Amino acid sequence: MPIGDQTQRTPYRQMELNPEAMDSFMHTPERMLEQAERLRQQAEIFEQQRMESETLSRELEENTMRKTRFNDDLNEVGQRIHNAVRRISRDMDSMEREHQEMAQVCECFKRHLQILSSLQPQHWAPETVKERLREALPKLDRADNDFHEAYACGREYRHTSVFQNKPGEEEAKEKFGAKHLREEMLRGLAFHLPLFLLLLITWGIYALASS
């Protein structure tokens, strides 16, 4: 190795071997500034990591709360829909049952109409009236009983109002209603008014003659 190089490296080796020289080197202003800068940078890194950790923690907490709310809403909406499906299913089953029963009633009424239409009492011969009545009256009674029984059961139906009023009931209500009663009273008054006036005149004449 050249002598010049040995001369230049001697102070470095002496600094390494001399603790006092090393200590003085570590406490130089430049070295202290470097350490302070490095510590500041590390502190900034730690602070950034802390802030990122806090941010991540808040996000996790918010996400957990949102997930909890979502799960609660999911259960609530799911329960409402489940209950609605059950009610709709029950209602559809009830409608289907009523529909089937109404179809059976309709078919029953159609058969009675066919039977009653085939009787045609206007064409009965006088000598066969008694026998024909004996055969026809049970058919008429059966049709009438089935009619009233069907409407009595049909009043309990929830999905139709067709069985609420029997055919002919409206006419009967109108016949015995207040309007009909008022008309009958007016007709009766119009019929008896002349007789009342005649009695009143007769009584007046009799009173005058007696006085």
Protein backbone atom coordinates (compact mmCIF):
# COMPACT_ATOMS: atom_id res chain seq x y z
CA MET A 1 0.00 0.00 0.00
CA PRO A 2 1.39 3.53 -0.81
CA ILE A 3 2.74 5.58 2.04
CA GLY A 4 0.44 8.50 1.16
CA ASP A 5 -2.61 6.35 1.61
CA GLN A 6 -1.42 5.10 5.00
CA THR A 7 -0.90 8.70 6.11
CA GLN A 8 -4.42 9.69 5.03
CA ARG A 9 -6.15 6.70 6.71
CA THR A 10 -4.27 6.93 9.98
CA PRO A 11 -6.62 9.47 11.60
CA TYR A 12 -9.62 7.22 10.74
CA ARG A 13 -8.01 4.18 12.38
CA GLN A 14 -7.02 6.27 15.34
CA MET A 15 -10.62 7.52 15.67
CA GLU A 16 -11.85 3.95 15.65
CA LEU A 17 -9.36 2.88 18.26
CA ASN A 18 -9.78 5.99 20.41
CA PRO A 19 -13.12 6.08 22.35
CA GLU A 20 -12.76 9.72 23.14
CA ALA A 21 -12.33 10.56 19.47
CA MET A 22 -15.35 8.42 18.64
CA ASP A 23 -17.45 10.07 21.33
CA SER A 24 -16.49 13.50 20.15
CA PHE A 25 -17.42 12.52 16.61
CA MET A 26 -20.85 11.25 17.70
CA HIS A 27 -21.62 14.50 19.50
CA THR A 28 -20.68 16.83 16.76
CA PRO A 29 -23.42 19.33 15.76
CA GLU A 30 -23.73 17.78 12.34
CA ARG A 31 -24.15 14.31 13.79
CA MET A 32 -26.71 15.53 16.33
CA LEU A 33 -28.70 17.29 13.60
CA GLU A 34 -28.71 14.11 11.57
CA GLN A 35 -29.96 12.13 14.55
CA ALA A 36 -32.61 14.73 15.33
CA GLU A 37 -33.77 14.69 11.71
CA ARG A 38 -33.89 10.92 11.70
CA LEU A 39 -35.87 10.92 14.95
CA ARG A 40 -38.25 13.51 13.55
CA GLN A 41 -38.80 11.43 10.44
CA GLN A 42 -39.39 8.34 12.56
CA ALA A 43 -41.83 10.29 14.73
CA GLU A 44 -43.68 11.45 11.60
CA ILE A 45 -43.82 7.86 10.37
CA PHE A 46 -45.11 6.66 13.74
CA GLU A 47 -47.70 9.47 13.82
CA GLN A 48 -48.83 8.66 10.30
CA GLN A 49 -49.08 4.99 11.19
CA ARG A 50 -51.05 5.90 14.32
CA MET A 51 -53.44 8.09 12.34
CA GLU A 52 -53.85 5.38 9.70
CA SER A 53 -54.49 2.85 12.44
CA GLU A 54 -57.10 5.10 14.06
CA THR A 55 -58.72 5.76 10.69
CA LEU A 56 -58.81 2.05 9.94
CA SER A 57 -60.23 1.36 13.39
CA ARG A 58 -62.98 3.96 12.89
CA GLU A 59 -63.79 2.54 9.47
CA LEU A 60 -63.98 -0.96 10.89
CA GLU A 61 -66.25 0.26 13.69
CA GLU A 62 -68.48 2.15 11.25
CA ASN A 63 -68.62 -0.85 8.93
CA THR A 64 -69.51 -3.08 11.87
CA MET A 65 -72.31 -0.71 12.90
CA ARG A 66 -73.55 -0.49 9.30
CA LYS A 67 -73.48 -4.26 9.02
CA THR A 68 -75.44 -4.55 12.26
CA ARG A 69 -78.05 -2.05 11.05
CA PHE A 70 -78.24 -3.80 7.70
CA ASN A 71 -78.70 -7.15 9.39
CA ASP A 72 -81.48 -5.71 11.58
CA ASP A 73 -83.21 -4.17 8.54
CA LEU A 74 -82.74 -7.41 6.64
CA ASN A 75 -84.41 -9.40 9.41
CA GLU A 76 -87.23 -6.87 9.75
CA VAL A 77 -87.99 -6.67 6.03
CA GLY A 78 -87.64 -10.42 5.68
CA GLN A 79 -90.06 -11.00 8.56
CA ARG A 80 -92.60 -8.56 7.09
CA ILE A 81 -92.41 -10.23 3.69
CA HIS A 82 -92.62 -13.66 5.29
CA ASN A 83 -95.77 -12.66 7.19
CA ALA A 84 -97.24 -11.13 4.05
CA VAL A 85 -96.56 -14.31 2.09
CA ARG A 86 -98.26 -16.38 4.79
CA ARG A 87 -101.32 -14.09 4.83
CA ILE A 88 -101.53 -14.03 1.03
CA SER A 89 -101.17 -17.80 0.88
CA ARG A 90 -103.94 -18.27 3.45
CA ASP A 91 -106.13 -15.78 1.61
CA MET A 92 -105.49 -17.49 -1.71
CA ASP A 93 -106.31 -20.86 -0.16
CA SER A 94 -109.53 -19.38 1.24
CA MET A 95 -110.39 -17.86 -2.14
CA GLU A 96 -109.68 -21.17 -3.87
CA ARG A 97 -111.86 -23.04 -1.38
CA GLU A 98 -114.69 -20.55 -1.77
CA HIS A 99 -114.28 -20.67 -5.54
CA GLN A 100 -114.62 -24.44 -5.54
CA GLU A 101 -117.67 -24.32 -3.25
CA MET A 102 -119.28 -21.60 -5.39
CA ALA A 103 -118.64 -23.70 -8.50
CA GLN A 104 -120.36 -26.65 -6.81
CA VAL A 105 -123.32 -24.45 -5.81
CA CYS A 106 -123.56 -23.11 -9.36
CA GLU A 107 -123.57 -26.64 -10.81
CA CYS A 108 -126.20 -27.68 -8.26
CA PHE A 109 -128.42 -24.73 -9.21
CA LYS A 110 -127.99 -25.53 -12.91
CA ARG A 111 -129.14 -29.12 -12.32
CA HIS A 112 -132.17 -27.87 -10.40
CA LEU A 113 -132.99 -25.49 -13.24
CA GLN A 114 -132.84 -28.32 -15.73
CA ILE A 115 -135.09 -30.46 -13.55
CA LEU A 116 -137.60 -27.68 -12.84
CA SER A 117 -137.64 -26.57 -16.47
CA SER A 118 -138.49 -30.10 -17.57
CA LEU A 119 -141.59 -30.29 -15.36
CA GLN A 120 -143.78 -27.92 -17.46
CA PRO A 121 -147.02 -28.20 -15.43
CA GLN A 122 -148.90 -26.21 -18.09
CA HIS A 123 -148.77 -29.28 -20.29
CA TRP A 124 -150.02 -31.77 -17.67
CA ALA A 125 -153.18 -33.62 -18.56
CA PRO A 126 -155.94 -33.23 -15.96
CA GLU A 127 -156.05 -36.94 -15.28
CA THR A 128 -152.30 -37.03 -14.48
CA VAL A 129 -152.10 -33.91 -12.31
CA LYS A 130 -152.22 -35.77 -9.01
CA GLU A 131 -149.46 -38.22 -9.98
CA ARG A 132 -147.35 -35.54 -11.58
CA LEU A 133 -147.64 -33.35 -8.47
CA ARG A 134 -146.63 -36.25 -6.25
CA GLU A 135 -143.46 -36.62 -8.33
CA ALA A 136 -142.76 -32.92 -8.83
CA LEU A 137 -143.29 -31.51 -5.33
CA PRO A 138 -140.20 -33.24 -3.80
CA LYS A 139 -138.09 -31.90 -6.65
CA LEU A 140 -139.38 -28.39 -6.01
CA ASP A 141 -138.86 -28.71 -2.25
CA ARG A 142 -135.33 -30.05 -2.75
CA ALA A 143 -134.45 -27.17 -5.05
CA ASP A 144 -135.88 -24.65 -2.59
CA ASN A 145 -134.01 -26.20 0.36
CA ASP A 146 -130.71 -26.28 -1.54
CA PHE A 147 -131.22 -22.65 -2.53
CA HIS A 148 -131.74 -21.45 1.05
CA GLU A 149 -128.99 -23.69 2.42
CA ALA A 150 -126.48 -22.40 -0.16
CA TYR A 151 -127.25 -18.78 0.69
CA ALA A 152 -127.11 -19.48 4.42
CA CYS A 153 -123.62 -20.97 4.07
CA GLY A 154 -122.53 -18.41 1.49
CA ARG A 155 -123.04 -15.50 3.90
CA GLU A 156 -119.84 -16.59 5.64
CA TYR A 157 -117.75 -16.11 2.49
CA ARG A 158 -115.23 -13.28 2.76
CA HIS A 159 -114.27 -12.88 -0.89
CA THR A 160 -117.67 -12.34 -2.48
CA SER A 161 -120.93 -10.60 -1.66
CA VAL A 162 -123.05 -12.60 -4.09
CA PHE A 163 -124.58 -14.59 -1.23
CA GLN A 164 -125.32 -11.60 0.99
CA ASN A 165 -128.76 -11.00 -0.52
CA LYS A 166 -130.95 -13.66 -2.01
CA PRO A 167 -132.49 -12.94 -5.42
CA GLY A 168 -135.91 -11.47 -4.77
CA GLU A 169 -135.05 -10.01 -1.36
CA GLU A 170 -134.52 -6.54 -2.80
CA GLU A 171 -137.94 -6.64 -4.43
CA ALA A 172 -139.46 -7.78 -1.15
CA LYS A 173 -137.73 -4.98 0.76
CA GLU A 174 -138.99 -2.40 -1.71
CA LYS A 175 -142.48 -3.88 -1.53
CA PHE A 176 -142.66 -3.52 2.23
CA GLY A 177 -140.53 -0.41 2.49
CA ALA A 178 -141.52 3.06 3.67
CA LYS A 179 -142.20 4.26 0.13
CA HIS A 180 -144.58 1.42 -0.54
CA LEU A 181 -146.29 1.90 2.83
CA ARG A 182 -146.76 5.61 2.16
CA GLU A 183 -148.25 4.89 -1.24
CA GLU A 184 -150.67 2.38 0.27
CA MET A 185 -151.74 4.91 2.92
CA LEU A 186 -152.35 7.55 0.26
CA ARG A 187 -154.40 5.13 -1.80
CA GLY A 188 -156.44 4.17 1.27
CA LEU A 189 -157.00 7.81 2.18
CA ALA A 190 -158.07 8.62 -1.36
CA PHE A 191 -160.51 5.70 -1.25
CA HIS A 192 -162.07 6.59 2.12
CA LEU A 193 -162.02 10.40 1.82
CA PRO A 194 -165.32 10.71 -0.12
CA LEU A 195 -167.07 8.50 2.43
CA PHE A 196 -165.65 10.58 5.27
CA LEU A 197 -166.82 13.81 3.63
CA LEU A 198 -170.26 12.35 3.09
CA LEU A 199 -170.51 11.36 6.75
CA LEU A 200 -169.33 14.82 7.79
CA ILE A 201 -171.97 16.53 5.62
CA THR A 202 -174.69 14.22 6.92
CA TRP A 203 -173.70 14.94 10.50
CA GLY A 204 -173.77 18.70 9.79
CA ILE A 205 -177.23 18.52 8.29
CA TYR A 206 -178.48 16.45 11.22
CA ALA A 207 -176.98 18.95 13.69
CA LEU A 208 -178.66 21.88 11.93
CA ALA A 209 -182.01 20.13 11.82
CA SER A 210 -181.83 19.22 15.49
CA SER A 211 -181.13 22.79 16.51
